[in-house]
Amino acid sequence: MRRYLSASISSLNANKLNGLLAEVDFRNYLQGLGYGNQVSVGGWIARSEGAGNFGQRTVVFFPETIRVGQTYPASRVLPQPPHGLHTICSTFHQIGIHGYYLTPSVGTANDPSSITWQAVQLGVPNQAPWASFPSCIAGFRARQRRYNFLRYNTANVSGIPASSIEEEFSKEHARISFQSAFMSEIADVDGVFWGNQYTYPIEIKEKTVARDNKIGDYFGLDVGPFVKLAFYAAKRGNLHSLFVVREIDNTSARNLVNWWYIKFDELAQSASWTPVGGGTNMQGGGSTTVKIPKYKFQLLNAATLSTL
């Protein structure tokens, strides 16, 4: 699995790795607070692309995690999707985003090329049938040339903890299966929190606090994730979104200071109108960072989770 990940994750750098670690810590933290069953595993959100078709179709999909030592024959009885995903995908469906749960079949052990996926659409009024993924997805332009995901085989995945390898492998295989078939704009979904009032796609980042003389202490968010959160907010309905920060003391020891969150509405109203440039984004390229005052964030704990 690590060999496949090193070949498929072309954008893994220190920031991205720390982001993956923050996702793991976040789920463990929620589990300890009694909210572990209200957050989904990670997945992908993809939009159609091409002149005259950009953004006309949006899908989100969450793959079942392939576990080492388990068998996944094509003849097996397919598992029931996690209960919470039905509610999450129903919220997505109401605003025009079609949600799917993926489950794998493995033809040959230790051979990623033998893995195929079946998908079931969730959030629709009637029970949808299982179908072959990604061919069951409509509205995307078919890829005409082979998707060479090995072209940047330079990622170092040794820092990913063993507990996360299976989930990240499953996510990457599902992404590559989709992008091998279709042209799309695709972004990761760190998770979706099923709250008492709303459904919240989550953007999770590990941050040290920064300082600005005009706004005081702040946390930064790259413009790409900011736009993704804005996309969710524009759709509205019961879909809101959260920016979650795992604050650390420094980038070497990475000791936890606190967990913080801010709803996107508050983020958009509080963010500085003058972004800062010159940093490095998750893909290793140039970054434009939106600055959000730290005092606008709330502590993420059992009490605040109960209000969401």
C-alpha atoms as a PDB file:
ATOM      1  CA  MET A   1       0.000   0.000   0.000  1.00  0.00           C
ATOM      2  CA  ARG A   2       2.791   2.450   0.816  1.00  0.00           C
ATOM      3  CA  ARG A   3       4.403   1.771  -2.593  1.00  0.00           C
ATOM      4  CA  TYR A   4       1.123   2.546  -4.359  1.00  0.00           C
ATOM      5  CA  LEU A   5       0.633   5.710  -2.316  1.00  0.00           C
ATOM      6  CA  SER A   6       4.128   6.962  -3.103  1.00  0.00           C
ATOM      7  CA  ALA A   7       3.319   6.569  -6.787  1.00  0.00           C
ATOM      8  CA  SER A   8      -0.162   8.057  -6.696  1.00  0.00           C
ATOM      9  CA  ILE A   9       0.120  11.003  -4.292  1.00  0.00           C
ATOM     10  CA  SER A  10       2.087  13.415  -6.425  1.00  0.00           C
ATOM     11  CA  SER A  11       1.352  16.416  -4.190  1.00  0.00           C
ATOM     12  CA  LEU A  12       2.464  15.052  -0.826  1.00  0.00           C
ATOM     13  CA  ASN A  13       4.802  17.463   0.933  1.00  0.00           C
ATOM     14  CA  ALA A  14       5.335  18.265   4.602  1.00  0.00           C
ATOM     15  CA  ASN A  15       2.221  20.463   4.750  1.00  0.00           C
ATOM     16  CA  LYS A  16       0.041  17.814   3.143  1.00  0.00           C
ATOM     17  CA  LEU A  17       1.433  15.084   5.374  1.00  0.00           C
ATOM     18  CA  ASN A  18       0.719  17.154   8.469  1.00  0.00           C
ATOM     19  CA  GLY A  19      -2.779  17.724   7.123  1.00  0.00           C
ATOM     20  CA  LEU A  20      -3.319  13.959   6.894  1.00  0.00           C
ATOM     21  CA  LEU A  21      -2.057  13.546  10.447  1.00  0.00           C
ATOM     22  CA  ALA A  22      -4.423  16.303  11.608  1.00  0.00           C
ATOM     23  CA  GLU A  23      -7.368  14.459  10.028  1.00  0.00           C
ATOM     24  CA  VAL A  24      -6.464  11.314  11.961  1.00  0.00           C
ATOM     25  CA  ASP A  25      -6.058  13.251  15.211  1.00  0.00           C
ATOM     26  CA  PHE A  26      -9.363  15.035  14.592  1.00  0.00           C
ATOM     27  CA  ARG A  27     -11.334  11.795  14.265  1.00  0.00           C
ATOM     28  CA  ASN A  28      -9.632  10.370  17.342  1.00  0.00           C
ATOM     29  CA  TYR A  29     -10.435  13.565  19.235  1.00  0.00           C
ATOM     30  CA  LEU A  30     -14.115  13.434  18.254  1.00  0.00           C
ATOM     31  CA  GLN A  31     -14.213   9.753  19.204  1.00  0.00           C
ATOM     32  CA  GLY A  32     -12.982  10.673  22.667  1.00  0.00           C
ATOM     33  CA  LEU A  33     -15.699  13.317  22.971  1.00  0.00           C
ATOM     34  CA  GLY A  34     -18.420  10.840  22.002  1.00  0.00           C
ATOM     35  CA  TYR A  35     -18.960  12.249  18.499  1.00  0.00           C
ATOM     36  CA  GLY A  36     -17.006   9.684  16.503  1.00  0.00           C
ATOM     37  CA  ASN A  37     -20.133   8.332  14.807  1.00  0.00           C
ATOM     38  CA  GLN A  38     -21.090  11.804  13.547  1.00  0.00           C
ATOM     39  CA  VAL A  39     -18.121  12.360  11.248  1.00  0.00           C
ATOM     40  CA  SER A  40     -17.606  10.625   7.921  1.00  0.00           C
ATOM     41  CA  VAL A  41     -14.428   9.189   6.494  1.00  0.00           C
ATOM     42  CA  GLY A  42     -12.678  11.262   3.882  1.00  0.00           C
ATOM     43  CA  GLY A  43     -13.691  11.333   0.238  1.00  0.00           C
ATOM     44  CA  TRP A  44     -13.645  13.425  -2.929  1.00  0.00           C
ATOM     45  CA  ILE A  45     -15.787  16.098  -4.525  1.00  0.00           C
ATOM     46  CA  ALA A  46     -15.511  16.467  -8.310  1.00  0.00           C
ATOM     47  CA  ARG A  47     -16.949  18.969 -10.789  1.00  0.00           C
ATOM     48  CA  SER A  48     -17.320  18.620 -14.526  1.00  0.00           C
ATOM     49  CA  GLU A  49     -14.979  20.659 -16.683  1.00  0.00           C
ATOM     50  CA  GLY A  50     -14.682  21.802 -20.276  1.00  0.00           C
ATOM     51  CA  ALA A  51     -15.901  24.863 -22.159  1.00  0.00           C
ATOM     52  CA  GLY A  52     -19.590  25.389 -21.516  1.00  0.00           C
ATOM     53  CA  ASN A  53     -19.707  22.502 -19.037  1.00  0.00           C
ATOM     54  CA  PHE A  54     -17.502  23.667 -16.183  1.00  0.00           C
ATOM     55  CA  GLY A  55     -19.201  23.102 -12.838  1.00  0.00           C
ATOM     56  CA  GLN A  56     -22.458  21.911 -14.408  1.00  0.00           C
ATOM     57  CA  ARG A  57     -22.216  18.545 -12.646  1.00  0.00           C
ATOM     58  CA  THR A  58     -20.900  17.890  -9.150  1.00  0.00           C
ATOM     59  CA  VAL A  59     -20.539  14.557  -7.365  1.00  0.00           C
ATOM     60  CA  VAL A  60     -19.105  13.524  -4.019  1.00  0.00           C
ATOM     61  CA  PHE A  61     -17.986   9.987  -3.251  1.00  0.00           C
ATOM     62  CA  PHE A  62     -16.810   8.184  -0.133  1.00  0.00           C
ATOM     63  CA  PRO A  63     -14.948   4.857  -0.544  1.00  0.00           C
ATOM     64  CA  GLU A  64     -15.097   1.974   1.886  1.00  0.00           C
ATOM     65  CA  THR A  65     -11.675   1.435   3.419  1.00  0.00           C
ATOM     66  CA  ILE A  66      -9.862  -1.651   2.138  1.00  0.00           C
ATOM     67  CA  ARG A  67      -8.476  -3.513   5.156  1.00  0.00           C
ATOM     68  CA  VAL A  68      -5.331  -5.638   5.024  1.00  0.00           C
ATOM     69  CA  GLY A  69      -6.096  -9.282   5.661  1.00  0.00           C
ATOM     70  CA  GLN A  70      -9.743  -9.078   4.571  1.00  0.00           C
ATOM     71  CA  THR A  71     -10.995 -10.526   1.292  1.00  0.00           C
ATOM     72  CA  TYR A  72     -13.242  -8.667  -1.117  1.00  0.00           C
ATOM     73  CA  PRO A  73     -14.438 -11.168  -3.744  1.00  0.00           C
ATOM     74  CA  ALA A  74     -16.685  -9.912  -6.527  1.00  0.00           C
ATOM     75  CA  SER A  75     -19.347 -12.425  -5.437  1.00  0.00           C
ATOM     76  CA  ARG A  76     -19.646 -11.132  -1.873  1.00  0.00           C
ATOM     77  CA  VAL A  77     -22.778  -9.549  -0.450  1.00  0.00           C
ATOM     78  CA  LEU A  78     -22.072  -5.838  -0.623  1.00  0.00           C
ATOM     79  CA  PRO A  79     -22.069  -4.019   2.718  1.00  0.00           C
ATOM     80  CA  GLN A  80     -24.633  -1.499   3.866  1.00  0.00           C
ATOM     81  CA  PRO A  81     -23.336   2.080   3.675  1.00  0.00           C
ATOM     82  CA  PRO A  82     -22.688   3.745   7.035  1.00  0.00           C
ATOM     83  CA  HIS A  83     -25.926   5.116   8.456  1.00  0.00           C
ATOM     84  CA  GLY A  84     -24.690   8.694   8.731  1.00  0.00           C
ATOM     85  CA  LEU A  85     -23.753   8.838   5.044  1.00  0.00           C
ATOM     86  CA  HIS A  86     -27.436   8.544   4.076  1.00  0.00           C
ATOM     87  CA  THR A  87     -28.203  11.773   5.920  1.00  0.00           C
ATOM     88  CA  ILE A  88     -25.052  13.483   4.677  1.00  0.00           C
ATOM     89  CA  CYS A  89     -25.716  12.562   1.037  1.00  0.00           C
ATOM     90  CA  SER A  90     -29.378  13.535   1.353  1.00  0.00           C
ATOM     91  CA  THR A  91     -28.220  17.031   2.306  1.00  0.00           C
ATOM     92  CA  PHE A  92     -25.844  17.104  -0.665  1.00  0.00           C
ATOM     93  CA  HIS A  93     -28.596  15.831  -2.997  1.00  0.00           C
ATOM     94  CA  GLN A  94     -30.977  18.619  -1.983  1.00  0.00           C
ATOM     95  CA  ILE A  95     -28.542  21.179  -3.387  1.00  0.00           C
ATOM     96  CA  GLY A  96     -27.690  19.320  -6.579  1.00  0.00           C
ATOM     97  CA  ILE A  97     -24.591  17.377  -5.504  1.00  0.00           C
ATOM     98  CA  HIS A  98     -24.981  13.644  -6.083  1.00  0.00           C
ATOM     99  CA  GLY A  99     -23.421  11.494  -3.348  1.00  0.00           C
ATOM    100  CA  TYR A 100     -22.091   7.946  -3.690  1.00  0.00           C
ATOM    101  CA  TYR A 101     -20.702   5.239  -1.437  1.00  0.00           C
ATOM    102  CA  LEU A 102     -18.079   2.991  -3.031  1.00  0.00           C
ATOM    103  CA  THR A 103     -17.216  -0.563  -2.091  1.00  0.00           C
ATOM    104  CA  PRO A 104     -14.307  -2.575  -3.580  1.00  0.00           C
ATOM    105  CA  SER A 105     -13.755  -5.968  -5.140  1.00  0.00           C
ATOM    106  CA  VAL A 106     -10.197  -7.310  -5.092  1.00  0.00           C
ATOM    107  CA  GLY A 107      -9.290  -9.874  -7.742  1.00  0.00           C
ATOM    108  CA  THR A 108      -5.688 -10.564  -6.705  1.00  0.00           C
ATOM    109  CA  ALA A 109      -4.154  -9.883  -3.324  1.00  0.00           C
ATOM    110  CA  ASN A 110      -1.506  -7.126  -3.274  1.00  0.00           C
ATOM    111  CA  ASP A 111      -2.359  -6.059  -6.830  1.00  0.00           C
ATOM    112  CA  PRO A 112      -3.979  -2.592  -6.964  1.00  0.00           C
ATOM    113  CA  SER A 113      -4.729  -3.028 -10.679  1.00  0.00           C
ATOM    114  CA  SER A 114      -7.143  -5.850  -9.789  1.00  0.00           C
ATOM    115  CA  ILE A 115      -9.307  -3.621  -7.589  1.00  0.00           C
ATOM    116  CA  THR A 116     -12.651  -2.524  -8.999  1.00  0.00           C
ATOM    117  CA  TRP A 117     -15.363  -0.439  -7.364  1.00  0.00           C
ATOM    118  CA  GLN A 118     -19.136  -0.658  -7.107  1.00  0.00           C
ATOM    119  CA  ALA A 119     -21.129   2.471  -6.261  1.00  0.00           C
ATOM    120  CA  VAL A 120     -24.547   3.155  -4.815  1.00  0.00           C
ATOM    121  CA  GLN A 121     -26.116   6.585  -4.888  1.00  0.00           C
ATOM    122  CA  LEU A 122     -27.277   7.785  -1.487  1.00  0.00           C
ATOM    123  CA  GLY A 123     -29.643  10.555  -0.471  1.00  0.00           C
ATOM    124  CA  VAL A 124     -32.297   9.734  -3.076  1.00  0.00           C
ATOM    125  CA  PRO A 125     -35.915   8.852  -2.146  1.00  0.00           C
ATOM    126  CA  ASN A 126     -35.760   5.271  -3.426  1.00  0.00           C
ATOM    127  CA  GLN A 127     -33.208   2.513  -2.970  1.00  0.00           C
ATOM    128  CA  ALA A 128     -30.697   2.940  -5.789  1.00  0.00           C
ATOM    129  CA  PRO A 129     -29.026  -0.140  -7.311  1.00  0.00           C
ATOM    130  CA  TRP A 130     -25.322  -0.878  -7.084  1.00  0.00           C
ATOM    131  CA  ALA A 131     -23.479  -0.120 -10.315  1.00  0.00           C
ATOM    132  CA  SER A 132     -19.932  -0.247 -11.660  1.00  0.00           C
ATOM    133  CA  PHE A 133     -17.862   2.812 -10.723  1.00  0.00           C
ATOM    134  CA  PRO A 134     -16.922   5.132 -12.312  1.00  0.00           C
ATOM    135  CA  SER A 135     -18.898   4.232 -15.460  1.00  0.00           C
ATOM    136  CA  CYS A 136     -22.148   4.844 -13.550  1.00  0.00           C
ATOM    137  CA  ILE A 137     -21.314   8.558 -13.213  1.00  0.00           C
ATOM    138  CA  ALA A 138     -22.856  10.789 -15.876  1.00  0.00           C
ATOM    139  CA  GLY A 139     -22.205  14.367 -16.935  1.00  0.00           C
ATOM    140  CA  PHE A 140     -18.394  14.275 -17.116  1.00  0.00           C
ATOM    141  CA  ARG A 141     -16.215  14.476 -20.216  1.00  0.00           C
ATOM    142  CA  ALA A 142     -14.511  11.159 -20.957  1.00  0.00           C
ATOM    143  CA  ARG A 143     -10.729  11.185 -20.821  1.00  0.00           C
ATOM    144  CA  GLN A 144      -9.258  10.558 -24.270  1.00  0.00           C
ATOM    145  CA  ARG A 145      -5.698   9.795 -23.221  1.00  0.00           C
ATOM    146  CA  ARG A 146      -4.362   7.533 -20.497  1.00  0.00           C
ATOM    147  CA  TYR A 147      -4.163   9.158 -17.063  1.00  0.00           C
ATOM    148  CA  ASN A 148      -0.513   8.764 -16.114  1.00  0.00           C
ATOM    149  CA  PHE A 149      -0.678   9.167 -12.343  1.00  0.00           C
ATOM    150  CA  LEU A 150       2.862   7.761 -12.031  1.00  0.00           C
ATOM    151  CA  ARG A 151       4.486  10.713 -13.764  1.00  0.00           C
ATOM    152  CA  TYR A 152       5.477  12.374 -10.468  1.00  0.00           C
ATOM    153  CA  ASN A 153       6.565   9.296  -8.538  1.00  0.00           C
ATOM    154  CA  THR A 154       8.471  11.307  -5.923  1.00  0.00           C
ATOM    155  CA  ALA A 155       6.216  11.422  -2.876  1.00  0.00           C
ATOM    156  CA  ASN A 156       7.620  10.240   0.437  1.00  0.00           C
ATOM    157  CA  VAL A 157       4.825   8.564   2.390  1.00  0.00           C
ATOM    158  CA  SER A 158       6.989   7.099   5.160  1.00  0.00           C
ATOM    159  CA  GLY A 159       5.589   9.650   7.586  1.00  0.00           C
ATOM    160  CA  ILE A 160       1.983   8.480   7.207  1.00  0.00           C
ATOM    161  CA  PRO A 161       1.132   6.441  10.311  1.00  0.00           C
ATOM    162  CA  ALA A 162       0.246   2.794   9.822  1.00  0.00           C
ATOM    163  CA  SER A 163      -3.274   3.448  11.138  1.00  0.00           C
ATOM    164  CA  SER A 164      -3.958   5.794   8.192  1.00  0.00           C
ATOM    165  CA  ILE A 165      -2.409   3.850   5.306  1.00  0.00           C
ATOM    166  CA  GLU A 166      -5.498   1.772   4.524  1.00  0.00           C
ATOM    167  CA  GLU A 167      -7.833   4.773   4.362  1.00  0.00           C
ATOM    168  CA  GLU A 168      -5.438   6.885   2.288  1.00  0.00           C
ATOM    169  CA  PHE A 169      -4.762   3.981  -0.074  1.00  0.00           C
ATOM    170  CA  SER A 170      -8.512   3.446  -0.586  1.00  0.00           C
ATOM    171  CA  LYS A 171      -9.115   7.155  -1.178  1.00  0.00           C
ATOM    172  CA  GLU A 172      -6.283   7.420  -3.697  1.00  0.00           C
ATOM    173  CA  HIS A 173      -7.355   4.304  -5.585  1.00  0.00           C
ATOM    174  CA  ALA A 174     -10.930   5.621  -5.869  1.00  0.00           C
ATOM    175  CA  ARG A 175      -9.650   9.007  -7.059  1.00  0.00           C
ATOM    176  CA  ILE A 176      -7.380   7.483  -9.676  1.00  0.00           C
ATOM    177  CA  SER A 177     -10.193   5.209 -10.889  1.00  0.00           C
ATOM    178  CA  PHE A 178     -12.397   8.266 -11.388  1.00  0.00           C
ATOM    179  CA  GLN A 179      -9.749  10.466 -12.978  1.00  0.00           C
ATOM    180  CA  SER A 180      -8.634   7.666 -15.277  1.00  0.00           C
ATOM    181  CA  ALA A 181     -12.108   7.731 -16.805  1.00  0.00           C
ATOM    182  CA  PHE A 182     -13.109  11.407 -16.681  1.00  0.00           C
ATOM    183  CA  MET A 183     -11.751  14.922 -16.926  1.00  0.00           C
ATOM    184  CA  SER A 184     -12.695  16.847 -13.802  1.00  0.00           C
ATOM    185  CA  GLU A 185     -11.781  19.392 -11.185  1.00  0.00           C
ATOM    186  CA  ILE A 186     -11.418  17.337  -8.017  1.00  0.00           C
ATOM    187  CA  ALA A 187     -10.666  18.155  -4.394  1.00  0.00           C
ATOM    188  CA  ASP A 188     -10.491  16.145  -1.226  1.00  0.00           C
ATOM    189  CA  VAL A 189     -13.169  16.148   1.452  1.00  0.00           C
ATOM    190  CA  ASP A 190     -11.474  15.883   4.848  1.00  0.00           C
ATOM    191  CA  GLY A 191     -14.744  14.710   6.342  1.00  0.00           C
ATOM    192  CA  VAL A 192     -18.363  15.715   6.858  1.00  0.00           C
ATOM    193  CA  PHE A 193     -19.761  16.323  10.347  1.00  0.00           C
ATOM    194  CA  TRP A 194     -23.398  15.440  10.914  1.00  0.00           C
ATOM    195  CA  GLY A 195     -24.499  18.013  13.480  1.00  0.00           C
ATOM    196  CA  ASN A 196     -27.696  18.427  15.456  1.00  0.00           C
ATOM    197  CA  GLN A 197     -28.804  21.288  13.199  1.00  0.00           C
ATOM    198  CA  TYR A 198     -26.814  21.188   9.980  1.00  0.00           C
ATOM    199  CA  THR A 199     -24.428  19.087   7.912  1.00  0.00           C
ATOM    200  CA  TYR A 200     -20.887  20.480   7.772  1.00  0.00           C
ATOM    201  CA  PRO A 201     -18.180  19.632   5.234  1.00  0.00           C
ATOM    202  CA  ILE A 202     -14.922  20.190   7.092  1.00  0.00           C
ATOM    203  CA  GLU A 203     -11.580  21.633   6.086  1.00  0.00           C
ATOM    204  CA  ILE A 204      -8.949  20.537   8.632  1.00  0.00           C
ATOM    205  CA  LYS A 205      -5.545  22.220   8.852  1.00  0.00           C
ATOM    206  CA  GLU A 206      -2.655  22.095  11.278  1.00  0.00           C
ATOM    207  CA  LYS A 207      -1.481  25.637  12.072  1.00  0.00           C
ATOM    208  CA  THR A 208       0.782  27.707  14.250  1.00  0.00           C
ATOM    209  CA  VAL A 209      -0.633  31.085  15.142  1.00  0.00           C
ATOM    210  CA  ALA A 210       0.724  34.023  13.122  1.00  0.00           C
ATOM    211  CA  ARG A 211       0.805  37.723  13.986  1.00  0.00           C
ATOM    212  CA  ASP A 212      -0.273  40.785  12.047  1.00  0.00           C
ATOM    213  CA  ASN A 213      -0.058  44.305  13.470  1.00  0.00           C
ATOM    214  CA  LYS A 214      -3.419  45.231  11.924  1.00  0.00           C
ATOM    215  CA  ILE A 215      -5.505  42.248  12.998  1.00  0.00           C
ATOM    216  CA  GLY A 216      -3.487  40.616  15.792  1.00  0.00           C
ATOM    217  CA  ASP A 217      -3.076  36.849  16.048  1.00  0.00           C
ATOM    218  CA  TYR A 218      -4.504  34.981  13.075  1.00  0.00           C
ATOM    219  CA  PHE A 219      -4.695  31.629  11.308  1.00  0.00           C
ATOM    220  CA  GLY A 220      -4.160  31.454   7.551  1.00  0.00           C
ATOM    221  CA  LEU A 221      -6.123  29.488   4.971  1.00  0.00           C
ATOM    222  CA  ASP A 222      -4.975  28.990   1.375  1.00  0.00           C
ATOM    223  CA  VAL A 223      -7.288  30.529  -1.191  1.00  0.00           C
ATOM    224  CA  GLY A 224      -8.070  27.118  -2.795  1.00  0.00           C
ATOM    225  CA  PRO A 225      -9.700  25.634   0.337  1.00  0.00           C
ATOM    226  CA  PHE A 226     -11.328  29.034   0.968  1.00  0.00           C
ATOM    227  CA  VAL A 227     -13.036  28.885  -2.432  1.00  0.00           C
ATOM    228  CA  LYS A 228     -14.128  25.295  -1.778  1.00  0.00           C
ATOM    229  CA  LEU A 229     -15.765  26.323   1.504  1.00  0.00           C
ATOM    230  CA  ALA A 230     -17.386  29.249  -0.326  1.00  0.00           C
ATOM    231  CA  PHE A 231     -18.811  26.799  -2.873  1.00  0.00           C
ATOM    232  CA  TYR A 232     -20.512  24.845  -0.098  1.00  0.00           C
ATOM    233  CA  ALA A 233     -21.826  28.035   1.461  1.00  0.00           C
ATOM    234  CA  ALA A 234     -23.249  29.273  -1.838  1.00  0.00           C
ATOM    235  CA  LYS A 235     -25.276  26.068  -2.172  1.00  0.00           C
ATOM    236  CA  ARG A 236     -26.929  26.667   1.194  1.00  0.00           C
ATOM    237  CA  GLY A 237     -29.886  24.561   2.344  1.00  0.00           C
ATOM    238  CA  ASN A 238     -28.802  22.559   5.395  1.00  0.00           C
ATOM    239  CA  LEU A 239     -25.222  22.412   4.138  1.00  0.00           C
ATOM    240  CA  HIS A 240     -22.849  24.656   6.044  1.00  0.00           C
ATOM    241  CA  SER A 241     -19.091  24.262   6.398  1.00  0.00           C
ATOM    242  CA  LEU A 242     -16.377  24.486   9.022  1.00  0.00           C
ATOM    243  CA  PHE A 243     -12.715  25.401   9.019  1.00  0.00           C
ATOM    244  CA  VAL A 244     -11.085  23.361  11.796  1.00  0.00           C
ATOM    245  CA  VAL A 245      -7.608  24.189  13.093  1.00  0.00           C
ATOM    246  CA  ARG A 246      -5.330  21.910  15.058  1.00  0.00           C
ATOM    247  CA  GLU A 247      -3.164  24.571  16.680  1.00  0.00           C
ATOM    248  CA  ILE A 248       0.387  23.419  17.405  1.00  0.00           C
ATOM    249  CA  ASP A 249       3.191  25.071  19.342  1.00  0.00           C
ATOM    250  CA  ASN A 250       5.759  24.831  16.537  1.00  0.00           C
ATOM    251  CA  THR A 251       6.362  22.972  13.280  1.00  0.00           C
ATOM    252  CA  SER A 252       9.080  20.736  14.715  1.00  0.00           C
ATOM    253  CA  ALA A 253       7.537  19.200  17.826  1.00  0.00           C
ATOM    254  CA  ARG A 254       3.939  19.724  16.612  1.00  0.00           C
ATOM    255  CA  ASN A 255       2.575  19.582  20.159  1.00  0.00           C
ATOM    256  CA  LEU A 256      -1.160  20.219  20.352  1.00  0.00           C
ATOM    257  CA  VAL A 257      -2.196  23.568  21.836  1.00  0.00           C
ATOM    258  CA  ASN A 258      -5.943  23.458  21.129  1.00  0.00           C
ATOM    259  CA  TRP A 259      -8.609  22.545  18.607  1.00  0.00           C
ATOM    260  CA  TRP A 260     -10.471  25.516  17.082  1.00  0.00           C
ATOM    261  CA  TYR A 261     -13.251  25.962  14.539  1.00  0.00           C
ATOM    262  CA  ILE A 262     -15.049  28.711  12.670  1.00  0.00           C
ATOM    263  CA  LYS A 263     -18.172  28.527  10.527  1.00  0.00           C
ATOM    264  CA  PHE A 264     -17.700  29.759   6.981  1.00  0.00           C
ATOM    265  CA  ASP A 265     -20.175  32.651   7.330  1.00  0.00           C
ATOM    266  CA  GLU A 266     -18.136  34.033  10.210  1.00  0.00           C
ATOM    267  CA  LEU A 267     -14.893  33.289   8.363  1.00  0.00           C
ATOM    268  CA  ALA A 268     -15.984  35.194   5.253  1.00  0.00           C
ATOM    269  CA  GLN A 269     -17.075  38.219   7.278  1.00  0.00           C
ATOM    270  CA  SER A 270     -13.939  38.266   9.443  1.00  0.00           C
ATOM    271  CA  ALA A 271     -11.170  37.461   6.963  1.00  0.00           C
ATOM    272  CA  SER A 272      -8.771  40.208   5.953  1.00  0.00           C
ATOM    273  CA  TRP A 273      -9.479  41.765   2.566  1.00  0.00           C
ATOM    274  CA  THR A 274      -5.742  41.831   1.912  1.00  0.00           C
ATOM    275  CA  PRO A 275      -4.417  38.278   1.500  1.00  0.00           C
ATOM    276  CA  VAL A 276      -0.770  37.485   1.993  1.00  0.00           C
ATOM    277  CA  GLY A 277       1.250  35.833  -0.779  1.00  0.00           C
ATOM    278  CA  GLY A 278       4.554  34.088  -1.062  1.00  0.00           C
ATOM    279  CA  GLY A 279       3.835  30.946   0.915  1.00  0.00           C
ATOM    280  CA  THR A 280       3.608  27.342  -0.234  1.00  0.00           C
ATOM    281  CA  ASN A 281       0.307  25.592  -0.809  1.00  0.00           C
ATOM    282  CA  MET A 282      -0.530  21.907  -0.420  1.00  0.00           C
ATOM    283  CA  GLN A 283       0.632  21.158  -3.958  1.00  0.00           C
ATOM    284  CA  GLY A 284       4.031  22.705  -3.351  1.00  0.00           C
ATOM    285  CA  GLY A 285       3.386  25.770  -5.511  1.00  0.00           C
ATOM    286  CA  GLY A 286       2.808  29.432  -4.759  1.00  0.00           C
ATOM    287  CA  SER A 287       0.122  30.252  -2.252  1.00  0.00           C
ATOM    288  CA  THR A 288      -2.201  33.138  -1.494  1.00  0.00           C
ATOM    289  CA  THR A 289      -3.359  32.988   2.107  1.00  0.00           C
ATOM    290  CA  VAL A 290      -6.494  34.432   3.626  1.00  0.00           C
ATOM    291  CA  LYS A 291      -5.956  35.706   7.179  1.00  0.00           C
ATOM    292  CA  ILE A 292      -8.664  35.087   9.814  1.00  0.00           C
ATOM    293  CA  PRO A 293      -8.318  36.636  13.295  1.00  0.00           C
ATOM    294  CA  LYS A 294      -7.825  33.968  15.930  1.00  0.00           C
ATOM    295  CA  TYR A 295     -10.314  35.558  18.329  1.00  0.00           C
ATOM    296  CA  LYS A 296     -13.088  34.791  15.831  1.00  0.00           C
ATOM    297  CA  PHE A 297     -12.531  31.040  16.298  1.00  0.00           C
ATOM    298  CA  GLN A 298     -14.241  28.982  18.975  1.00  0.00           C
ATOM    299  CA  LEU A 299     -12.767  26.139  20.970  1.00  0.00           C
ATOM    300  CA  LEU A 300     -13.829  22.790  19.568  1.00  0.00           C
ATOM    301  CA  ASN A 301     -15.107  20.691  22.451  1.00  0.00           C
ATOM    302  CA  ALA A 302     -18.155  18.657  23.475  1.00  0.00           C
ATOM    303  CA  ALA A 303     -20.104  21.772  24.477  1.00  0.00           C
ATOM    304  CA  THR A 304     -19.588  23.601  21.161  1.00  0.00           C
ATOM    305  CA  LEU A 305     -20.119  20.453  19.079  1.00  0.00           C
ATOM    306  CA  SER A 306     -23.551  20.075  20.669  1.00  0.00           C
ATOM    307  CA  THR A 307     -24.566  23.466  19.246  1.00  0.00           C
ATOM    308  CA  LEU A 308     -23.732  22.634  15.619  1.00  0.00           C
END
